[in-house]
Each structure stands twice: as C-alpha cells, then as structure tokens.
Protein backbone atom coordinates (compact mmCIF):
# COMPACT_ATOMS: atom_id res chain seq x y z
CA MET A 1 -14.79 -31.71 -15.75
CA ALA A 2 -11.75 -33.92 -15.58
CA ALA A 3 -9.12 -33.49 -12.89
CA PRO A 4 -5.69 -32.51 -14.21
CA ASP A 5 -3.47 -35.42 -15.28
CA ALA A 6 0.00 -35.97 -13.87
CA THR A 7 1.23 -34.76 -17.25
CA ALA A 8 -0.73 -32.64 -19.69
CA ASP A 9 -0.69 -30.76 -22.99
CA PRO A 10 -1.52 -27.18 -22.03
CA THR A 11 -1.49 -26.10 -25.68
CA ARG A 12 -4.88 -27.79 -26.12
CA GLU A 13 -6.59 -25.31 -23.80
CA PRO A 14 -8.91 -23.05 -25.85
CA LEU A 15 -7.16 -19.78 -24.94
CA TYR A 16 -3.58 -21.06 -24.88
CA GLY A 17 -2.79 -19.25 -28.13
CA GLN A 18 -3.16 -15.95 -26.25
CA GLN A 19 -0.88 -17.06 -23.39
CA TRP A 20 2.44 -15.90 -24.87
CA ASP A 21 3.87 -15.98 -21.35
CA MET A 22 3.63 -19.77 -21.10
CA ASP A 23 5.79 -20.46 -24.14
CA MET A 24 8.31 -17.94 -22.82
CA ILE A 25 8.88 -20.06 -19.69
CA HIS A 26 8.75 -23.39 -21.64
CA LEU A 27 5.57 -24.63 -19.98
CA PRO A 28 4.56 -27.30 -22.55
CA GLN A 29 7.92 -29.02 -22.08
CA ALA A 30 7.52 -28.84 -18.30
CA HIS A 31 4.01 -30.32 -18.41
CA ALA A 32 5.37 -33.31 -20.31
CA VAL A 33 7.26 -34.04 -17.07
CA THR A 34 4.76 -32.97 -14.40
CA THR A 35 1.88 -30.59 -13.79
CA GLY A 36 2.58 -30.57 -10.05
CA ARG A 37 1.54 -32.58 -7.02
CA ALA A 38 -1.70 -32.06 -5.14
CA ASP A 39 0.09 -32.10 -1.80
CA VAL A 40 1.85 -28.85 -2.76
CA VAL A 41 -0.48 -26.08 -1.61
CA VAL A 42 0.16 -22.45 -2.57
CA GLY A 43 -1.30 -19.70 -0.40
CA VAL A 44 -2.56 -16.81 -2.54
CA LEU A 45 -2.43 -13.85 -0.16
CA ASP A 46 -4.66 -11.52 -2.12
CA SER A 47 -8.26 -10.38 -2.66
CA GLY A 48 -9.82 -13.84 -2.60
CA ILE A 49 -10.41 -16.49 -5.26
CA SER A 50 -13.69 -17.17 -7.06
CA SER A 51 -14.63 -20.69 -5.97
CA SER A 52 -17.21 -20.94 -8.78
CA HIS A 53 -14.79 -20.27 -11.64
CA PRO A 54 -14.76 -23.21 -14.08
CA ASP A 55 -10.95 -23.05 -14.34
CA LEU A 56 -10.44 -22.88 -10.57
CA ALA A 57 -13.29 -24.76 -8.86
CA THR A 58 -11.29 -28.02 -8.77
CA GLN A 59 -8.06 -26.27 -7.84
CA ILE A 60 -8.84 -24.65 -4.49
CA ALA A 61 -7.95 -26.21 -1.14
CA LYS A 62 -11.13 -25.02 0.54
CA ASP A 63 -10.15 -26.54 3.88
CA LYS A 64 -7.07 -24.30 3.94
CA SER A 65 -8.73 -21.10 2.71
CA THR A 66 -9.70 -18.16 4.90
CA SER A 67 -10.19 -14.43 5.11
CA CYS A 68 -7.60 -12.59 7.21
CA VAL A 69 -9.11 -9.14 6.67
CA GLY A 70 -8.89 -7.22 9.92
CA GLY A 71 -6.35 -9.70 11.24
CA VAL A 72 -9.06 -12.20 12.20
CA THR A 73 -9.63 -15.48 10.34
CA ASP A 74 -13.01 -16.35 8.81
CA THR A 75 -13.11 -19.69 6.98
CA ALA A 76 -16.62 -19.27 5.52
CA GLU A 77 -16.46 -19.71 1.75
CA ALA A 78 -18.17 -16.36 1.18
CA ALA A 79 -15.53 -14.65 3.31
CA TRP A 80 -12.59 -15.73 1.12
CA ASN A 81 -14.35 -15.20 -2.20
CA PRO A 82 -13.78 -11.86 -3.96
CA THR A 83 -15.97 -8.90 -3.07
CA THR A 84 -14.60 -5.76 -4.76
CA SER A 85 -11.51 -7.06 -6.64
CA ASP A 86 -10.74 -10.05 -8.85
CA HIS A 87 -6.98 -9.53 -8.54
CA GLY A 88 -6.54 -12.73 -6.50
CA THR A 89 -8.62 -14.74 -8.97
CA HIS A 90 -6.34 -13.64 -11.81
CA VAL A 91 -3.21 -14.48 -9.79
CA ALA A 92 -4.60 -17.90 -8.83
CA GLY A 93 -5.31 -18.75 -12.47
CA THR A 94 -1.72 -18.07 -13.48
CA ILE A 95 -0.52 -20.42 -10.76
CA ALA A 96 -2.97 -23.29 -11.09
CA ALA A 97 -5.84 -22.92 -13.61
CA ALA A 98 -6.92 -26.44 -14.59
CA VAL A 99 -6.04 -28.19 -17.85
CA ASN A 100 -9.65 -29.19 -18.47
CA GLY A 101 -10.62 -28.07 -21.96
CA VAL A 102 -11.88 -24.73 -20.63
CA GLY A 103 -10.18 -21.34 -20.83
CA VAL A 104 -6.49 -21.08 -19.92
CA THR A 105 -3.79 -23.21 -18.37
CA GLY A 106 -2.05 -22.45 -15.12
CA ILE A 107 1.64 -23.12 -14.62
CA ALA A 108 1.08 -25.86 -12.04
CA PRO A 109 -2.46 -27.22 -12.52
CA GLY A 110 -1.60 -30.31 -10.48
CA VAL A 111 -1.04 -28.32 -7.28
CA LYS A 112 -3.67 -26.68 -5.10
CA VAL A 113 -4.17 -23.02 -4.27
CA ALA A 114 -5.62 -21.70 -1.03
CA ALA A 115 -7.39 -18.36 -0.89
CA VAL A 116 -5.93 -16.30 1.95
CA LYS A 117 -7.80 -13.03 1.69
CA VAL A 118 -5.78 -10.06 2.94
CA VAL A 119 -7.22 -7.23 0.81
CA ASN A 120 -10.09 -5.28 2.32
CA ASP A 121 -13.01 -3.93 0.29
CA ASP A 122 -11.26 -0.58 -0.13
CA GLY A 123 -8.27 -2.30 -1.70
CA TYR A 124 -5.85 -1.97 1.21
CA ILE A 125 -3.58 -4.66 2.65
CA PHE A 126 -2.94 -3.56 6.21
CA PRO A 127 -0.23 -5.15 8.37
CA GLU A 128 -2.57 -7.13 10.61
CA ALA A 129 -4.08 -8.90 7.57
CA ALA A 130 -0.70 -9.72 6.02
CA VAL A 131 0.70 -11.00 9.33
CA CYS A 132 -2.41 -13.16 9.79
CA GLY A 133 -1.94 -14.49 6.25
CA PHE A 134 1.68 -15.51 6.76
CA LEU A 135 0.85 -17.24 10.04
CA TRP A 136 -2.19 -19.02 8.55
CA ALA A 137 -0.15 -20.35 5.63
CA ALA A 138 2.58 -21.54 7.99
CA ASP A 139 0.16 -23.30 10.31
CA HIS A 140 -1.80 -25.00 7.50
CA GLY A 141 0.99 -26.80 5.70
CA MET A 142 1.47 -24.50 2.72
CA LYS A 143 4.80 -24.71 0.92
CA LEU A 144 4.57 -21.39 -0.91
CA THR A 145 2.80 -18.06 -0.67
CA ASN A 146 2.32 -15.51 -3.43
CA ASN A 147 2.28 -11.86 -2.37
CA SER A 148 1.39 -9.48 -5.19
CA TYR A 149 1.17 -6.33 -3.07
CA TYR A 150 2.99 -4.01 -0.73
CA ILE A 151 1.76 -3.55 2.79
CA ASP A 152 -0.27 -0.36 3.18
CA PRO A 153 -0.28 2.47 3.88
CA TRP A 154 3.48 3.08 3.38
CA GLU A 155 5.01 1.99 0.06
CA LEU A 156 8.37 2.24 1.79
CA ASN A 157 8.31 1.25 5.44
CA CYS A 158 11.08 2.93 7.44
CA ARG A 159 12.49 1.09 10.44
CA ASN A 160 13.87 4.38 11.76
CA ASP A 161 10.37 5.91 11.94
CA ALA A 162 8.63 5.12 15.23
CA ARG A 163 5.25 4.92 13.46
CA GLN A 164 6.44 2.29 11.00
CA ARG A 165 8.96 0.24 12.97
CA PRO A 166 6.28 -1.99 14.57
CA VAL A 167 5.05 -2.94 11.07
CA TRP A 168 8.55 -3.99 9.99
CA GLN A 169 9.05 -5.97 13.19
CA ALA A 170 5.71 -7.76 12.98
CA VAL A 171 5.98 -8.62 9.29
CA GLN A 172 9.56 -9.83 9.58
CA ARG A 173 8.67 -11.96 12.59
CA ALA A 174 5.69 -13.51 10.77
CA ILE A 175 7.76 -14.30 7.68
CA ARG A 176 10.59 -15.74 9.75
CA TYR A 177 8.05 -17.99 11.49
CA SER A 178 6.60 -19.11 8.15
CA GLN A 179 10.07 -19.94 6.86
CA SER A 180 10.72 -22.04 9.96
CA LYS A 181 7.58 -24.01 9.06
CA GLY A 182 8.83 -24.69 5.52
CA VAL A 183 7.16 -21.89 3.56
CA LEU A 184 8.86 -20.00 0.73
CA ASN A 185 7.29 -16.57 0.25
CA VAL A 186 7.33 -14.94 -3.20
CA ALA A 187 6.62 -11.22 -3.64
CA SER A 188 6.20 -8.76 -6.49
CA ALA A 189 8.76 -5.98 -6.84
CA GLY A 190 6.18 -3.25 -7.52
CA ASN A 191 5.01 -1.18 -10.47
CA SER A 192 6.65 2.19 -9.75
CA ASN A 193 9.73 1.77 -12.02
CA TYR A 194 11.57 2.36 -8.78
CA ASP A 195 15.22 1.54 -8.14
CA LEU A 196 14.78 -0.34 -4.89
CA ALA A 197 18.54 -0.41 -4.37
CA HIS A 198 18.73 3.40 -4.32
CA LYS A 199 15.61 4.63 -2.59
CA ILE A 200 15.53 8.41 -2.17
CA THR A 201 11.91 9.57 -2.08
CA ASP A 202 8.44 8.28 -1.32
CA THR A 203 5.83 10.85 -2.27
CA GLY A 204 2.73 8.65 -2.28
CA SER A 205 2.56 7.45 1.32
CA PRO A 206 0.51 7.08 3.38
CA ASN A 207 -1.90 6.12 0.63
CA ASN A 208 -4.98 6.14 2.88
CA GLY A 209 -4.64 9.81 3.79
CA THR A 210 -2.64 12.88 2.84
CA PRO A 211 0.72 11.73 1.42
CA GLU A 212 3.85 13.09 3.01
CA GLU A 213 6.91 14.30 1.08
CA ARG A 214 9.62 11.95 2.33
CA GLU A 215 13.07 12.60 0.90
CA ASN A 216 16.64 11.47 1.59
CA LEU A 217 15.41 8.05 2.58
CA THR A 218 17.97 5.46 3.63
CA SER A 219 18.38 1.70 3.44
CA ALA A 220 16.25 1.56 6.60
CA CYS A 221 13.22 2.10 4.34
CA LEU A 222 11.96 -1.08 2.69
CA ASP A 223 9.22 -2.33 0.40
CA LEU A 224 7.32 -4.95 2.43
CA PRO A 225 7.14 -7.89 2.04
CA ALA A 226 9.42 -7.86 -1.04
CA GLU A 227 12.54 -6.76 0.84
CA VAL A 228 12.22 -9.01 3.87
CA PRO A 229 15.19 -11.43 4.03
CA GLY A 230 14.44 -14.80 2.44
CA VAL A 231 11.52 -13.54 0.31
CA VAL A 232 11.89 -14.12 -3.45
CA THR A 233 11.45 -10.73 -5.15
CA VAL A 234 10.17 -10.83 -8.73
CA ALA A 235 10.44 -8.18 -11.47
CA ALA A 236 8.44 -8.22 -14.73
CA VAL A 237 9.13 -8.60 -18.44
CA GLY A 238 6.88 -8.15 -21.47
CA PRO A 239 6.50 -10.25 -24.63
CA THR A 240 9.99 -9.29 -25.88
CA GLY A 241 11.59 -10.61 -22.69
CA GLU A 242 12.82 -7.13 -21.78
CA LYS A 243 11.96 -5.30 -18.57
CA SER A 244 8.36 -4.10 -18.46
CA TYR A 245 8.33 -0.30 -18.49
CA TYR A 246 6.65 -0.08 -15.07
CA SER A 247 8.59 -2.80 -13.22
CA SER A 248 10.59 -1.75 -10.20
CA TYR A 249 14.14 -3.05 -10.12
CA GLY A 250 17.36 -2.90 -8.12
CA GLN A 251 20.72 -4.61 -7.97
CA GLY A 252 20.78 -6.97 -4.99
CA VAL A 253 17.00 -6.69 -4.53
CA ILE A 254 15.52 -8.48 -7.57
CA ASP A 255 15.99 -12.26 -7.36
CA VAL A 256 14.34 -13.36 -10.62
CA THR A 257 12.10 -11.99 -13.33
CA ALA A 258 9.00 -13.46 -15.03
CA PRO A 259 6.33 -12.46 -17.54
CA GLY A 260 4.15 -9.65 -16.18
CA GLY A 261 3.06 -8.05 -19.43
CA ASP A 262 3.91 -4.78 -21.15
CA THR A 263 0.93 -3.23 -22.90
CA ARG A 264 2.81 -0.10 -24.03
CA PHE A 265 6.04 -1.20 -25.72
CA ARG A 266 4.51 -1.67 -29.22
CA THR A 267 3.44 1.99 -29.39
CA GLN A 268 6.40 3.37 -27.40
CA GLY A 269 3.86 4.25 -24.74
CA ALA A 270 1.36 6.18 -26.87
CA ARG A 271 -1.45 3.64 -26.49
CA SER A 272 -2.17 0.43 -24.67
CA THR A 273 -2.42 -2.98 -26.37
CA SER A 274 -4.13 -5.19 -23.82
CA THR A 275 -3.20 -8.50 -25.45
CA ASP A 276 0.42 -7.89 -24.43
CA GLY A 277 -0.75 -8.30 -20.85
CA ILE A 278 -1.21 -11.61 -19.05
CA LEU A 279 -4.36 -13.61 -19.80
CA SER A 280 -5.85 -15.41 -16.81
CA THR A 281 -9.03 -16.05 -14.88
CA THR A 282 -11.27 -13.12 -13.91
CA PHE A 283 -14.38 -12.42 -11.87
CA ASN A 284 -16.70 -9.48 -12.46
CA THR A 285 -17.48 -8.22 -8.96
CA VAL A 286 -20.54 -6.26 -10.17
CA THR A 287 -22.31 -8.96 -12.18
CA ARG A 288 -20.71 -11.78 -10.08
CA THR A 289 -19.74 -13.66 -13.24
CA ASN A 290 -16.57 -15.56 -14.08
CA GLY A 291 -14.46 -15.06 -17.17
CA TRP A 292 -10.97 -14.57 -18.58
CA GLY A 293 -9.08 -11.36 -19.21
CA TYR A 294 -5.81 -9.47 -19.32
CA LYS A 295 -3.94 -7.71 -16.53
CA GLN A 296 -0.36 -6.49 -16.30
CA GLY A 297 2.02 -5.79 -13.46
CA THR A 298 4.59 -7.38 -11.22
CA SER A 299 1.41 -8.73 -9.60
CA MET A 300 1.29 -11.00 -12.66
CA SER A 301 5.02 -11.84 -12.75
CA GLY A 302 5.05 -12.93 -9.11
CA PRO A 303 2.63 -15.84 -9.63
CA HIS A 304 4.67 -17.03 -12.63
CA ALA A 305 7.66 -17.43 -10.32
CA THR A 306 5.45 -19.00 -7.65
CA GLY A 307 3.98 -21.46 -10.16
CA VAL A 308 7.43 -22.46 -11.37
CA ALA A 309 8.55 -22.90 -7.75
CA ALA A 310 5.50 -25.13 -7.16
CA LEU A 311 6.47 -27.29 -10.15
CA ALA A 312 10.07 -27.45 -8.92
CA LEU A 313 8.96 -28.59 -5.47
CA SER A 314 6.68 -31.18 -7.05
CA ALA A 315 9.48 -32.60 -9.18
CA HIS A 316 12.11 -32.37 -6.42
CA PRO A 317 10.29 -32.81 -3.09
CA GLY A 318 11.88 -32.06 0.23
CA MET A 319 13.66 -28.81 -0.53
CA THR A 320 13.77 -26.27 2.28
CA PRO A 321 12.62 -22.70 1.51
CA GLY A 322 16.25 -21.62 1.13
CA GLN A 323 17.08 -24.52 -1.16
CA LEU A 324 13.98 -23.89 -3.28
CA SER A 325 14.81 -20.20 -3.58
CA SER A 326 18.35 -21.02 -4.72
CA PHE A 327 17.03 -23.66 -7.14
CA LEU A 328 14.60 -21.16 -8.70
CA GLU A 329 17.50 -18.80 -9.32
CA ARG A 330 19.85 -21.53 -10.54
CA THR A 331 17.35 -22.78 -13.13
CA ALA A 332 16.47 -19.27 -14.37
CA VAL A 333 17.85 -18.09 -17.72
CA ALA A 334 20.27 -15.21 -17.22
CA LYS A 335 19.54 -11.96 -19.09
CA SER A 336 22.03 -9.17 -19.68
CA CYS A 337 21.44 -5.52 -18.88
CA PRO A 338 20.40 -3.30 -21.80
CA ALA A 339 23.01 -0.64 -22.57
CA GLY A 340 22.53 2.94 -21.43
CA VAL A 341 19.29 4.45 -20.18
CA TYR A 342 16.38 2.06 -20.80
CA ASN A 343 12.93 3.41 -21.62
CA PRO A 344 10.63 1.53 -24.02
CA VAL A 345 7.81 4.11 -23.64
CA PRO A 346 9.12 7.61 -24.48
CA LEU A 347 5.73 8.60 -25.96
CA ILE A 348 3.75 7.84 -22.79
CA PRO A 349 1.53 10.80 -21.77
CA THR A 350 3.34 11.23 -18.45
CA GLY A 351 6.46 12.39 -20.32
CA PRO A 352 9.47 11.22 -22.35
CA ASN A 353 11.63 10.48 -19.30
CA ALA A 354 8.91 9.25 -16.94
CA TYR A 355 10.06 5.62 -17.21
CA ASP A 356 13.82 6.02 -17.60
CA ALA A 357 15.74 3.27 -15.80
CA THR A 358 19.38 2.19 -15.71
CA CYS A 359 20.40 -1.42 -15.14
CA SER A 360 23.52 -2.39 -13.23
CA GLY A 361 25.29 -5.73 -12.78
CA GLY A 362 26.46 -8.62 -14.90
CA ASN A 363 24.91 -12.10 -15.15
CA ARG A 364 22.95 -11.19 -12.05
CA ASN A 365 21.65 -7.66 -12.37
CA GLY A 366 19.17 -5.07 -11.21
CA PHE A 367 16.56 -5.62 -13.94
CA TYR A 368 16.40 -9.41 -14.06
CA GLY A 369 18.15 -10.73 -10.95
CA ALA A 370 19.39 -14.26 -11.72
CA GLY A 371 17.25 -14.29 -14.87
CA LEU A 372 13.90 -15.37 -16.32
CA VAL A 373 12.24 -18.27 -14.51
CA ASP A 374 12.02 -21.44 -16.59
CA ALA A 375 9.46 -24.14 -15.86
CA TYR A 376 11.19 -26.87 -17.86
CA ASN A 377 14.57 -26.24 -16.26
CA ALA A 378 12.85 -26.45 -12.88
CA VAL A 379 11.37 -29.92 -13.39
CA ARG A 380 13.98 -31.84 -15.39
C-alpha cells in the first residue's frame, strides 16, 4: 500500500461518501495544500491502536508507542494494542487514517500517531495511567495529545476534597510539564449534556464503586483533563452543525467544537440513526478483526480538533502550544447560540427535558466556543 502523498484527494477513498464530517471541516481543500508532516507525532492517550489495521498500519510511530496502564510503561507491541476496547483505534483513524485506496481518510494522514494506552481492561482511566501518558508524550517528542476521556473514578474532581486533591495536583503538574516540552493537549468536553461553567451536582462518581450524591459543588470541582489550564476543550456537533444532544458545554470552558455525531436528531430522539455518527477505523476485540464503523461522542469531536491542529502545525511549523491553541481558535468558524432552550431530542426515552440546554455568549459561546474547527483555514 502506498504511503500518503504530501497532498491527496481524500474523496477517492472508498468510504469517503459516508464521512459527512470531513466535508464539514473542508478537508478536501486542506489536503490540496498538505496532508501533514511525518515529523508531527500525535499521542493518542486511549485504549490502544490496532497495529494490523490496513488504514493505520503505516501511520503508527511504533517506536513512540507504549502502554501506561498501571502507571508503568510497556513498549511491547501487544501491550499497546487494544484488548477490550477499540475506542482508541476509532480515534486514531479520525486523526490519521491513510489515503491509500482502502476504507476512510483521516484528517492528517501525513502525520504519525503513537498509541499511548491509558485505558485498563475494565475501561477505566486512572490518574497514574494518565499522568504516565502525559509524561511519555512529553519525553518522546510528541507535539499533540488527544484525550477522549475523563480521569476516573470522579467525573468532577474537587480540589477541596482531600481524597481528590492529589489527583488534581498530579494531573496539572504532568500537563504543565508536557506544555513546557512543546505539547498541546486536546480533550473532549464529555457526553453528559453538562454545563461545565455551572457545576452543581455529580451523582455518578465514583464510577468504580457506590456513587455518592454530591451537591452544591463549586468551581473547585473540575472535569480532568478538559478543564486543566492550557488544554483545548472540544464540544461536539452533528450533521446539521448544531450542538450534539449529549455534548457537554459551558461558557468559558469550551474552546472549539467539531463533528462528533448526533444519531438522534433526525427522529427527535425516538430512535438512533447510526450513519449520523462518525465513521472511522474499528477493531473487533472478540474476533480480533479490523474494520470500519460508526461511533458518536465528544470522544469523536476531540480527534477532529486534534487532526486539524496537526495539519496547522504541519503547514505552520514552530508554533508553541499556546500559539497553536490560539491559531486553532482563530481559524475556527464562529457559530451563534440557538435561541431559548435547546433540545433536539424531546422524544428520547429518558424524557422530554432530559437534554435541555441553554447557550450563553456571543461570537464565543458556551456551545461552540470560538467555533467549528476548519482544516482549510488552518493550512492556508
């Protein structure tokens, strides 16, 4: 299979017609300029990447890949491949799936991705794994990391709680170190339709035991790593370009938005239409076979922003993390708040008001931040 060209026509990929998200961010126009540079390496802090996938086999920086599960690195290829989840494989495909006549296109097929496995076989991302991942990326020359998760077991980590303060301190320290080494970290906002600017309750944490009813929370309680200073926080939109029903939001918290899929808007929530999700690379962890399929979530919008940032850095080398973050926002397409209470899924089984949300702000607002990332704006 051919290595990606410096420029490419992603529309020739067999499954491009199902990648509505790529037209939304003007990817074909961007690829006429650049597909990215191989010296830009993106750390995918996730559940591992299938190194045998035909759309990813040429795209992985194996010498920079590792497992950080348990807070200890293991560079064996089997260790950083997926075991119980293909989430990281899907994320990696959005960022960098090859333009090779097979399957889908990634946003930046000219760059490399490194598998940095932080998700254990039970699906948890504990602090020691995430901290290890940030440090590994920093010490192995990565320019970007994608973080489509929150750090378990607390969805909101409260600095004023003695049990949780060490997590905040360790994660912030690790991210600050990575930034000092030239890494921009991108994180998903979350799928709880939660106003991160006005946090009041957290009823689902800890998620590895009996959840506690935590009410009257303050600004000391943060979604990690999304709310760490300097991290780019990404919300999600569906095929209409409007906020995905599930996407968390918050004025002053969301930096940009990107396609994450919305499989409920067509039916007002009554049923799911999977093709309104994001198509990318998959790996069946039971049969151990590679494929392509749909997922939705801010887990899918995050890698769109990361991929666009990778293209931007390829076209305009030398930007610091802060400069790259500002550039990503500056080249995004501003989107206005919808009027009144927003809820595209009033017929969803959980109830007519289950996904009510209210947007605040002007050109920069709580639903979309600075706007929708745009690959062509980022490279021209």
